[in-house]
Amino acid sequence: MDGVALLTVFVLAVFVGYEVISKVSSTLHTPLMSGSNAISGIILVGTIVVAGRAESAAAIGIALVAVALATVNLVGGFTVTDRMLHMFRRPKGDELERTR
């Protein structure tokens, strides 16, 4: 594929992704994040494989940046999911007294 075709696919993917995510109801965000975290994990494994097969210094540098960004994405996704799940937990005894 040439650069214009790749750029077109990228722009369409960004647009479709934004439209799909913005239409999701708030009750489905946690399951959606779980699926997104699974995909992010697969992406991280793929970037590690690509980094391991890189031959030039530029390719290794780009691959390491990709590994770092994929790691940040994965950790951030799990952090957000964990915070969302904490919002739906019942308060324990001490916390229950403070809320009354």
PDB file of N, CA and C in Angstrom:
ATOM      1  N   MET A   1       0.845  -1.183   0.000  1.00  0.00           N
ATOM      2  CA  MET A   1       0.000   0.000   0.000  1.00  0.00           C
ATOM      3  C   MET A   1       0.891   1.247   0.000  1.00  0.00           C
ATOM      4  N   ASP A   2       0.465   2.238  -0.705  1.00  0.00           N
ATOM      5  CA  ASP A   2       1.218   3.482  -0.704  1.00  0.00           C
ATOM      6  C   ASP A   2       0.796   4.352   0.479  1.00  0.00           C
ATOM      7  N   GLY A   3       1.503   5.448   0.680  1.00  0.00           N
ATOM      8  CA  GLY A   3       1.280   6.303   1.837  1.00  0.00           C
ATOM      9  C   GLY A   3      -0.103   6.914   1.903  1.00  0.00           C
ATOM     10  N   VAL A   4      -0.657   7.276   0.744  1.00  0.00           N
ATOM     11  CA  VAL A   4      -1.987   7.895   0.722  1.00  0.00           C
ATOM     12  C   VAL A   4      -3.053   6.890   1.170  1.00  0.00           C
ATOM     13  N   ALA A   5      -2.936   5.663   0.717  1.00  0.00           N
ATOM     14  CA  ALA A   5      -3.900   4.629   1.113  1.00  0.00           C
ATOM     15  C   ALA A   5      -3.803   4.341   2.604  1.00  0.00           C
ATOM     16  N   LEU A   6      -2.578   4.280   3.130  1.00  0.00           N
ATOM     17  CA  LEU A   6      -2.410   4.037   4.567  1.00  0.00           C
ATOM     18  C   LEU A   6      -2.967   5.195   5.390  1.00  0.00           C
ATOM     19  N   LEU A   7      -2.717   6.408   4.940  1.00  0.00           N
ATOM     20  CA  LEU A   7      -3.254   7.571   5.638  1.00  0.00           C
ATOM     21  C   LEU A   7      -4.783   7.585   5.598  1.00  0.00           C
ATOM     22  N   THR A   8      -5.360   7.201   4.468  1.00  0.00           N
ATOM     23  CA  THR A   8      -6.821   7.142   4.334  1.00  0.00           C
ATOM     24  C   THR A   8      -7.412   6.123   5.297  1.00  0.00           C
ATOM     25  N   VAL A   9      -6.797   4.939   5.384  1.00  0.00           N
ATOM     26  CA  VAL A   9      -7.275   3.907   6.305  1.00  0.00           C
ATOM     27  C   VAL A   9      -7.161   4.395   7.744  1.00  0.00           C
ATOM     28  N   PHE A  10      -6.058   5.061   8.062  1.00  0.00           N
ATOM     29  CA  PHE A  10      -5.870   5.573   9.423  1.00  0.00           C
ATOM     30  C   PHE A  10      -6.931   6.601   9.782  1.00  0.00           C
ATOM     31  N   VAL A  11      -7.174   7.553   8.905  1.00  0.00           N
ATOM     32  CA  VAL A  11      -8.170   8.601   9.171  1.00  0.00           C
ATOM     33  C   VAL A  11      -9.562   7.995   9.308  1.00  0.00           C
ATOM     34  N   LEU A  12      -9.909   7.051   8.452  1.00  0.00           N
ATOM     35  CA  LEU A  12     -11.215   6.394   8.559  1.00  0.00           C
ATOM     36  C   LEU A  12     -11.344   5.602   9.854  1.00  0.00           C
ATOM     37  N   ALA A  13     -10.259   4.931  10.260  1.00  0.00           N
ATOM     38  CA  ALA A  13     -10.289   4.165  11.509  1.00  0.00           C
ATOM     39  C   ALA A  13     -10.476   5.081  12.715  1.00  0.00           C
ATOM     40  N   VAL A  14      -9.810   6.225  12.706  1.00  0.00           N
ATOM     41  CA  VAL A  14      -9.969   7.187  13.804  1.00  0.00           C
ATOM     42  C   VAL A  14     -11.405   7.696  13.848  1.00  0.00           C
ATOM     43  N   PHE A  15     -11.951   8.053  12.699  1.00  0.00           N
ATOM     44  CA  PHE A  15     -13.320   8.573  12.642  1.00  0.00           C
ATOM     45  C   PHE A  15     -14.332   7.525  13.107  1.00  0.00           C
ATOM     46  N   VAL A  16     -14.243   6.323  12.579  1.00  0.00           N
ATOM     47  CA  VAL A  16     -15.183   5.260  12.953  1.00  0.00           C
ATOM     48  C   VAL A  16     -15.032   4.906  14.427  1.00  0.00           C
ATOM     49  N   GLY A  17     -13.797   4.815  14.919  1.00  0.00           N
ATOM     50  CA  GLY A  17     -13.570   4.519  16.331  1.00  0.00           C
ATOM     51  C   GLY A  17     -14.177   5.561  17.246  1.00  0.00           C
ATOM     52  N   TYR A  18     -14.001   6.827  16.897  1.00  0.00           N
ATOM     53  CA  TYR A  18     -14.581   7.905  17.698  1.00  0.00           C
ATOM     54  C   TYR A  18     -16.110   7.825  17.701  1.00  0.00           C
ATOM     55  N   GLU A  19     -16.686   7.607  16.555  1.00  0.00           N
ATOM     56  CA  GLU A  19     -18.148   7.531  16.461  1.00  0.00           C
ATOM     57  C   GLU A  19     -18.696   6.342  17.251  1.00  0.00           C
ATOM     58  N   VAL A  20     -18.034   5.209  17.173  1.00  0.00           N
ATOM     59  CA  VAL A  20     -18.515   4.011  17.884  1.00  0.00           C
ATOM     60  C   VAL A  20     -18.408   4.213  19.390  1.00  0.00           C
ATOM     61  N   ILE A  21     -17.270   4.697  19.868  1.00  0.00           N
ATOM     62  CA  ILE A  21     -17.063   4.861  21.306  1.00  0.00           C
ATOM     63  C   ILE A  21     -17.986   5.938  21.876  1.00  0.00           C
ATOM     64  N   SER A  22     -18.209   7.019  21.143  1.00  0.00           N
ATOM     65  CA  SER A  22     -19.051   8.092  21.669  1.00  0.00           C
ATOM     66  C   SER A  22     -20.525   7.697  21.767  1.00  0.00           C
ATOM     67  N   LYS A  23     -20.939   6.674  21.063  1.00  0.00           N
ATOM     68  CA  LYS A  23     -22.337   6.233  21.088  1.00  0.00           C
ATOM     69  C   LYS A  23     -22.614   5.157  22.138  1.00  0.00           C
ATOM     70  N   VAL A  24     -21.590   4.709  22.855  1.00  0.00           N
ATOM     71  CA  VAL A  24     -21.755   3.648  23.849  1.00  0.00           C
ATOM     72  C   VAL A  24     -22.363   4.242  25.120  1.00  0.00           C
ATOM     73  N   SER A  25     -23.373   3.568  25.662  1.00  0.00           N
ATOM     74  CA  SER A  25     -23.989   4.053  26.906  1.00  0.00           C
ATOM     75  C   SER A  25     -23.033   3.858  28.075  1.00  0.00           C
ATOM     76  N   SER A  26     -23.231   4.631  29.126  1.00  0.00           N
ATOM     77  CA  SER A  26     -22.301   4.595  30.261  1.00  0.00           C
ATOM     78  C   SER A  26     -22.307   3.246  30.976  1.00  0.00           C
ATOM     79  N   THR A  27     -23.382   2.483  30.881  1.00  0.00           N
ATOM     80  CA  THR A  27     -23.415   1.176  31.549  1.00  0.00           C
ATOM     81  C   THR A  27     -22.527   0.148  30.853  1.00  0.00           C
ATOM     82  N   LEU A  28     -22.143   0.415  29.626  1.00  0.00           N
ATOM     83  CA  LEU A  28     -21.305  -0.532  28.893  1.00  0.00           C
ATOM     84  C   LEU A  28     -19.834  -0.150  28.868  1.00  0.00           C
ATOM     85  N   HIS A  29     -19.448   0.950  29.502  1.00  0.00           N
ATOM     86  CA  HIS A  29     -18.061   1.384  29.431  1.00  0.00           C
ATOM     87  C   HIS A  29     -17.098   0.399  30.080  1.00  0.00           C
ATOM     88  N   THR A  30     -17.450  -0.186  31.226  1.00  0.00           N
ATOM     89  CA  THR A  30     -16.538  -1.119  31.885  1.00  0.00           C
ATOM     90  C   THR A  30     -16.320  -2.378  31.049  1.00  0.00           C
ATOM     91  N   PRO A  31     -17.364  -3.035  30.511  1.00  0.00           N
ATOM     92  CA  PRO A  31     -17.096  -4.178  29.639  1.00  0.00           C
ATOM     93  C   PRO A  31     -16.321  -3.794  28.381  1.00  0.00           C
ATOM     94  N   LEU A  32     -16.585  -2.610  27.861  1.00  0.00           N
ATOM     95  CA  LEU A  32     -15.860  -2.152  26.679  1.00  0.00           C
ATOM     96  C   LEU A  32     -14.388  -1.947  26.999  1.00  0.00           C
ATOM     97  N   MET A  33     -14.087  -1.402  28.180  1.00  0.00           N
ATOM     98  CA  MET A  33     -12.696  -1.222  28.585  1.00  0.00           C
ATOM     99  C   MET A  33     -12.005  -2.569  28.765  1.00  0.00           C
ATOM    100  N   SER A  34     -12.714  -3.565  29.251  1.00  0.00           N
ATOM    101  CA  SER A  34     -12.113  -4.886  29.410  1.00  0.00           C
ATOM    102  C   SER A  34     -11.706  -5.458  28.058  1.00  0.00           C
ATOM    103  N   GLY A  35     -12.571  -5.321  27.082  1.00  0.00           N
ATOM    104  CA  GLY A  35     -12.229  -5.775  25.734  1.00  0.00           C
ATOM    105  C   GLY A  35     -11.092  -4.980  25.145  1.00  0.00           C
ATOM    106  N   SER A  36     -11.091  -3.693  25.396  1.00  0.00           N
ATOM    107  CA  SER A  36     -10.017  -2.823  24.911  1.00  0.00           C
ATOM    108  C   SER A  36      -8.685  -3.189  25.560  1.00  0.00           C
ATOM    109  N   ASN A  37      -8.715  -3.542  26.829  1.00  0.00           N
ATOM    110  CA  ASN A  37      -7.488  -3.959  27.511  1.00  0.00           C
ATOM    111  C   ASN A  37      -6.945  -5.253  26.917  1.00  0.00           C
ATOM    112  N   ALA A  38      -7.806  -6.165  26.537  1.00  0.00           N
ATOM    113  CA  ALA A  38      -7.351  -7.405  25.909  1.00  0.00           C
ATOM    114  C   ALA A  38      -6.680  -7.116  24.567  1.00  0.00           C
ATOM    115  N   ILE A  39      -7.276  -6.235  23.799  1.00  0.00           N
ATOM    116  CA  ILE A  39      -6.682  -5.855  22.512  1.00  0.00           C
ATOM    117  C   ILE A  39      -5.355  -5.144  22.734  1.00  0.00           C
ATOM    118  N   SER A  40      -5.278  -4.291  23.748  1.00  0.00           N
ATOM    119  CA  SER A  40      -4.030  -3.590  24.050  1.00  0.00           C
ATOM    120  C   SER A  40      -2.927  -4.569  24.445  1.00  0.00           C
ATOM    121  N   GLY A  41      -3.284  -5.619  25.140  1.00  0.00           N
ATOM    122  CA  GLY A  41      -2.305  -6.646  25.488  1.00  0.00           C
ATOM    123  C   GLY A  41      -1.759  -7.352  24.257  1.00  0.00           C
ATOM    124  N   ILE A  42      -2.622  -7.638  23.305  1.00  0.00           N
ATOM    125  CA  ILE A  42      -2.182  -8.263  22.060  1.00  0.00           C
ATOM    126  C   ILE A  42      -1.272  -7.311  21.284  1.00  0.00           C
ATOM    127  N   ILE A  43      -1.624  -6.031  21.274  1.00  0.00           N
ATOM    128  CA  ILE A  43      -0.793  -5.035  20.598  1.00  0.00           C
ATOM    129  C   ILE A  43       0.582  -4.946  21.256  1.00  0.00           C
ATOM    130  N   LEU A  44       0.629  -5.014  22.578  1.00  0.00           N
ATOM    131  CA  LEU A  44       1.908  -4.960  23.281  1.00  0.00           C
ATOM    132  C   LEU A  44       2.783  -6.153  22.901  1.00  0.00           C
ATOM    133  N   VAL A  45       2.206  -7.331  22.858  1.00  0.00           N
ATOM    134  CA  VAL A  45       2.974  -8.515  22.455  1.00  0.00           C
ATOM    135  C   VAL A  45       3.487  -8.353  21.021  1.00  0.00           C
ATOM    136  N   GLY A  46       2.642  -7.829  20.136  1.00  0.00           N
ATOM    137  CA  GLY A  46       3.063  -7.605  18.754  1.00  0.00           C
ATOM    138  C   GLY A  46       4.195  -6.606  18.652  1.00  0.00           C
ATOM    139  N   THR A  47       4.136  -5.530  19.433  1.00  0.00           N
ATOM    140  CA  THR A  47       5.219  -4.546  19.370  1.00  0.00           C
ATOM    141  C   THR A  47       6.525  -5.115  19.913  1.00  0.00           C
ATOM    142  N   ILE A  48       6.445  -5.985  20.907  1.00  0.00           N
ATOM    143  CA  ILE A  48       7.656  -6.622  21.433  1.00  0.00           C
ATOM    144  C   ILE A  48       8.261  -7.547  20.380  1.00  0.00           C
ATOM    145  N   VAL A  49       7.419  -8.282  19.673  1.00  0.00           N
ATOM    146  CA  VAL A  49       7.914  -9.166  18.608  1.00  0.00           C
ATOM    147  C   VAL A  49       8.588  -8.352  17.499  1.00  0.00           C
ATOM    148  N   VAL A  50       7.943  -7.258  17.096  1.00  0.00           N
ATOM    149  CA  VAL A  50       8.524  -6.405  16.058  1.00  0.00           C
ATOM    150  C   VAL A  50       9.842  -5.799  16.537  1.00  0.00           C
ATOM    151  N   ALA A  51       9.903  -5.370  17.794  1.00  0.00           N
ATOM    152  CA  ALA A  51      11.137  -4.796  18.338  1.00  0.00           C
ATOM    153  C   ALA A  51      12.252  -5.838  18.353  1.00  0.00           C
ATOM    154  N   GLY A  52      11.912  -7.075  18.602  1.00  0.00           N
ATOM    155  CA  GLY A  52      12.917  -8.136  18.619  1.00  0.00           C
ATOM    156  C   GLY A  52      13.479  -8.465  17.250  1.00  0.00           C
ATOM    157  N   ARG A  53      12.734  -8.202  16.204  1.00  0.00           N
ATOM    158  CA  ARG A  53      13.179  -8.498  14.844  1.00  0.00           C
ATOM    159  C   ARG A  53      13.727  -7.288  14.102  1.00  0.00           C
ATOM    160  N   ALA A  54      13.749  -6.136  14.757  1.00  0.00           N
ATOM    161  CA  ALA A  54      14.250  -4.917  14.100  1.00  0.00           C
ATOM    162  C   ALA A  54      15.748  -5.039  13.863  1.00  0.00           C
ATOM    163  N   GLU A  55      16.193  -4.532  12.713  1.00  0.00           N
ATOM    164  CA  GLU A  55      17.606  -4.660  12.359  1.00  0.00           C
ATOM    165  C   GLU A  55      18.348  -3.337  12.375  1.00  0.00           C
ATOM    166  N   SER A  56      17.725  -2.260  11.938  1.00  0.00           N
ATOM    167  CA  SER A  56      18.425  -0.975  11.914  1.00  0.00           C
ATOM    168  C   SER A  56      18.180  -0.224  13.215  1.00  0.00           C
ATOM    169  N   ALA A  57      19.035   0.754  13.472  1.00  0.00           N
ATOM    170  CA  ALA A  57      18.909   1.544  14.700  1.00  0.00           C
ATOM    171  C   ALA A  57      17.609   2.345  14.707  1.00  0.00           C
ATOM    172  N   ALA A  58      17.208   2.857  13.541  1.00  0.00           N
ATOM    173  CA  ALA A  58      15.959   3.622  13.456  1.00  0.00           C
ATOM    174  C   ALA A  58      14.757   2.725  13.739  1.00  0.00           C
ATOM    175  N   ALA A  59      14.776   1.514  13.185  1.00  0.00           N
ATOM    176  CA  ALA A  59      13.669   0.580  13.415  1.00  0.00           C
ATOM    177  C   ALA A  59      13.595   0.170  14.876  1.00  0.00           C
ATOM    178  N   ILE A  60      14.736  -0.023  15.512  1.00  0.00           N
ATOM    179  CA  ILE A  60      14.752  -0.375  16.932  1.00  0.00           C
ATOM    180  C   ILE A  60      14.212   0.780  17.769  1.00  0.00           C
ATOM    181  N   GLY A  61      14.605   2.008  17.424  1.00  0.00           N
ATOM    182  CA  GLY A  61      14.115   3.174  18.158  1.00  0.00           C
ATOM    183  C   GLY A  61      12.609   3.329  18.046  1.00  0.00           C
ATOM    184  N   ILE A  62      12.089   3.200  16.828  1.00  0.00           N
ATOM    185  CA  ILE A  62      10.641   3.312  16.619  1.00  0.00           C
ATOM    186  C   ILE A  62       9.910   2.180  17.333  1.00  0.00           C
ATOM    187  N   ALA A  63      10.471   0.973  17.280  1.00  0.00           N
ATOM    188  CA  ALA A  63       9.847  -0.177  17.938  1.00  0.00           C
ATOM    189  C   ALA A  63       9.817   0.008  19.453  1.00  0.00           C
ATOM    190  N   LEU A  64      10.882   0.549  20.012  1.00  0.00           N
ATOM    191  CA  LEU A  64      10.901   0.767  21.462  1.00  0.00           C
ATOM    192  C   LEU A  64       9.903   1.846  21.874  1.00  0.00           C
ATOM    193  N   VAL A  65       9.750   2.870  21.050  1.00  0.00           N
ATOM    194  CA  VAL A  65       8.718   3.878  21.326  1.00  0.00           C
ATOM    195  C   VAL A  65       7.336   3.230  21.274  1.00  0.00           C
ATOM    196  N   ALA A  66       7.128   2.348  20.296  1.00  0.00           N
ATOM    197  CA  ALA A  66       5.843   1.646  20.178  1.00  0.00           C
ATOM    198  C   ALA A  66       5.595   0.763  21.395  1.00  0.00           C
ATOM    199  N   VAL A  67       6.623   0.089  21.884  1.00  0.00           N
ATOM    200  CA  VAL A  67       6.480  -0.743  23.090  1.00  0.00           C
ATOM    201  C   VAL A  67       6.122   0.133  24.286  1.00  0.00           C
ATOM    202  N   ALA A  68       6.788   1.269  24.425  1.00  0.00           N
ATOM    203  CA  ALA A  68       6.503   2.163  25.552  1.00  0.00           C
ATOM    204  C   ALA A  68       5.074   2.695  25.487  1.00  0.00           C
ATOM    205  N   LEU A  69       4.637   3.122  24.305  1.00  0.00           N
ATOM    206  CA  LEU A  69       3.273   3.641  24.171  1.00  0.00           C
ATOM    207  C   LEU A  69       2.226   2.551  24.402  1.00  0.00           C
ATOM    208  N   ALA A  70       2.484   1.344  23.912  1.00  0.00           N
ATOM    209  CA  ALA A  70       1.548   0.236  24.130  1.00  0.00           C
ATOM    210  C   ALA A  70       1.469  -0.118  25.610  1.00  0.00           C
ATOM    211  N   THR A  71       2.597  -0.044  26.306  1.00  0.00           N
ATOM    212  CA  THR A  71       2.608  -0.327  27.744  1.00  0.00           C
ATOM    213  C   THR A  71       1.809   0.722  28.515  1.00  0.00           C
ATOM    214  N   VAL A  72       2.015   1.988  28.166  1.00  0.00           N
ATOM    215  CA  VAL A  72       1.262   3.063  28.822  1.00  0.00           C
ATOM    216  C   VAL A  72      -0.234   2.883  28.570  1.00  0.00           C
ATOM    217  N   ASN A  73      -0.594   2.531  27.347  1.00  0.00           N
ATOM    218  CA  ASN A  73      -1.996   2.314  26.999  1.00  0.00           C
ATOM    219  C   ASN A  73      -2.592   1.163  27.808  1.00  0.00           C
ATOM    220  N   LEU A  74      -1.858   0.081  27.938  1.00  0.00           N
ATOM    221  CA  LEU A  74      -2.353  -1.091  28.670  1.00  0.00           C
ATOM    222  C   LEU A  74      -2.500  -0.785  30.158  1.00  0.00           C
ATOM    223  N   VAL A  75      -1.482  -0.196  30.755  1.00  0.00           N
ATOM    224  CA  VAL A  75      -1.534   0.117  32.187  1.00  0.00           C
ATOM    225  C   VAL A  75      -2.623   1.153  32.464  1.00  0.00           C
ATOM    226  N   GLY A  76      -2.719   2.161  31.606  1.00  0.00           N
ATOM    227  CA  GLY A  76      -3.761   3.168  31.782  1.00  0.00           C
ATOM    228  C   GLY A  76      -5.151   2.574  31.679  1.00  0.00           C
ATOM    229  N   GLY A  77      -5.347   1.647  30.749  1.00  0.00           N
ATOM    230  CA  GLY A  77      -6.649   1.000  30.603  1.00  0.00           C
ATOM    231  C   GLY A  77      -7.044   0.211  31.836  1.00  0.00           C
ATOM    232  N   PHE A  78      -6.082  -0.531  32.398  1.00  0.00           N
ATOM    233  CA  PHE A  78      -6.381  -1.290  33.608  1.00  0.00           C
ATOM    234  C   PHE A  78      -6.621  -0.364  34.800  1.00  0.00           C
ATOM    235  N   THR A  79      -5.910   0.744  34.856  1.00  0.00           N
ATOM    236  CA  THR A  79      -6.109   1.708  35.937  1.00  0.00           C
ATOM    237  C   THR A  79      -7.499   2.323  35.869  1.00  0.00           C
ATOM    238  N   VAL A  80      -7.912   2.727  34.685  1.00  0.00           N
ATOM    239  CA  VAL A  80      -9.245   3.313  34.520  1.00  0.00           C
ATOM    240  C   VAL A  80     -10.324   2.290  34.851  1.00  0.00           C
ATOM    241  N   THR A  81     -10.158   1.053  34.383  1.00  0.00           N
ATOM    242  CA  THR A  81     -11.137   0.005  34.672  1.00  0.00           C
ATOM    243  C   THR A  81     -11.236  -0.237  36.174  1.00  0.00           C
ATOM    244  N   ASP A  82     -10.094  -0.279  36.844  1.00  0.00           N
ATOM    245  CA  ASP A  82     -10.093  -0.495  38.293  1.00  0.00           C
ATOM    246  C   ASP A  82     -10.794   0.641  39.020  1.00  0.00           C
ATOM    247  N   ARG A  83     -10.548   1.876  38.614  1.00  0.00           N
ATOM    248  CA  ARG A  83     -11.216   3.014  39.244  1.00  0.00           C
ATOM    249  C   ARG A  83     -12.720   2.984  38.996  1.00  0.00           C
ATOM    250  N   MET A  84     -13.120   2.574  37.805  1.00  0.00           N
ATOM    251  CA  MET A  84     -14.551   2.487  37.512  1.00  0.00           C
ATOM    252  C   MET A  84     -15.213   1.407  38.356  1.00  0.00           C
ATOM    253  N   LEU A  85     -14.537   0.274  38.527  1.00  0.00           N
ATOM    254  CA  LEU A  85     -15.113  -0.799  39.335  1.00  0.00           C
ATOM    255  C   LEU A  85     -15.203  -0.408  40.808  1.00  0.00           C
ATOM    256  N   HIS A  86     -14.254   0.400  41.297  1.00  0.00           N
ATOM    257  CA  HIS A  86     -14.317   0.877  42.688  1.00  0.00           C
ATOM    258  C   HIS A  86     -15.524   1.778  42.913  1.00  0.00           C
ATOM    259  N   MET A  87     -15.975   2.461  41.898  1.00  0.00           N
ATOM    260  CA  MET A  87     -17.141   3.335  42.033  1.00  0.00           C
ATOM    261  C   MET A  87     -18.408   2.541  42.342  1.00  0.00           C
ATOM    262  N   PHE A  88     -18.460   1.274  41.937  1.00  0.00           N
ATOM    263  CA  PHE A  88     -19.669   0.480  42.099  1.00  0.00           C
ATOM    264  C   PHE A  88     -19.609  -0.468  43.287  1.00  0.00           C
ATOM    265  N   ARG A  89     -18.536  -0.419  44.068  1.00  0.00           N
ATOM    266  CA  ARG A  89     -18.442  -1.273  45.251  1.00  0.00           C
ATOM    267  C   ARG A  89     -19.198  -0.639  46.407  1.00  0.00           C
ATOM    268  N   ARG A  90     -19.741  -1.497  47.244  1.00  0.00           N
ATOM    269  CA  ARG A  90     -20.437  -0.999  48.434  1.00  0.00           C
ATOM    270  C   ARG A  90     -19.408  -0.563  49.461  1.00  0.00           C
ATOM    271  N   PRO A  91     -19.678   0.520  50.153  1.00  0.00           N
ATOM    272  CA  PRO A  91     -18.733   0.963  51.188  1.00  0.00           C
ATOM    273  C   PRO A  91     -18.717  -0.018  52.349  1.00  0.00           C
ATOM    274  N   LYS A  92     -17.554  -0.146  52.981  1.00  0.00           N
ATOM    275  CA  LYS A  92     -17.419  -1.017  54.148  1.00  0.00           C
ATOM    276  C   LYS A  92     -17.948  -0.287  55.372  1.00  0.00           C
ATOM    277  N   GLY A  93     -17.849  -0.876  56.535  1.00  0.00           N
ATOM    278  CA  GLY A  93     -18.428  -0.329  57.764  1.00  0.00           C
ATOM    279  C   GLY A  93     -18.049   1.108  58.051  1.00  0.00           C
ATOM    280  N   ASP A  94     -16.737   1.435  58.103  1.00  0.00           N
ATOM    281  CA  ASP A  94     -16.296   2.799  58.421  1.00  0.00           C
ATOM    282  C   ASP A  94     -16.742   3.777  57.341  1.00  0.00           C
ATOM    283  N   GLU A  95     -16.616   3.382  56.090  1.00  0.00           N
ATOM    284  CA  GLU A  95     -17.001   4.255  55.008  1.00  0.00           C
ATOM    285  C   GLU A  95     -18.501   4.471  54.962  1.00  0.00           C
ATOM    286  N   LEU A  96     -19.269   3.456  55.375  1.00  0.00           N
ATOM    287  CA  LEU A  96     -20.717   3.560  55.385  1.00  0.00           C
ATOM    288  C   LEU A  96     -21.173   4.599  56.397  1.00  0.00           C
ATOM    289  N   GLU A  97     -20.504   4.645  57.574  1.00  0.00           N
ATOM    290  CA  GLU A  97     -20.867   5.621  58.608  1.00  0.00           C
ATOM    291  C   GLU A  97     -20.570   7.049  58.141  1.00  0.00           C
ATOM    292  N   ARG A  98     -19.488   7.236  57.372  1.00  0.00           N
ATOM    293  CA  ARG A  98     -19.133   8.574  56.895  1.00  0.00           C
ATOM    294  C   ARG A  98     -20.103   9.065  55.831  1.00  0.00           C
ATOM    295  N   THR A  99     -20.725   8.156  55.101  1.00  0.00           N
ATOM    296  CA  THR A  99     -21.641   8.570  54.036  1.00  0.00           C
ATOM    297  C   THR A  99     -23.021   8.936  54.563  1.00  0.00           C
ATOM    298  N   ARG A 100     -23.340   8.578  55.785  1.00  0.00           N
ATOM    299  CA  ARG A 100     -24.677   8.874  56.335  1.00  0.00           C
ATOM    300  C   ARG A 100     -24.753  10.258  56.881  1.00  0.00           C
TER     301      ARG A 100
END
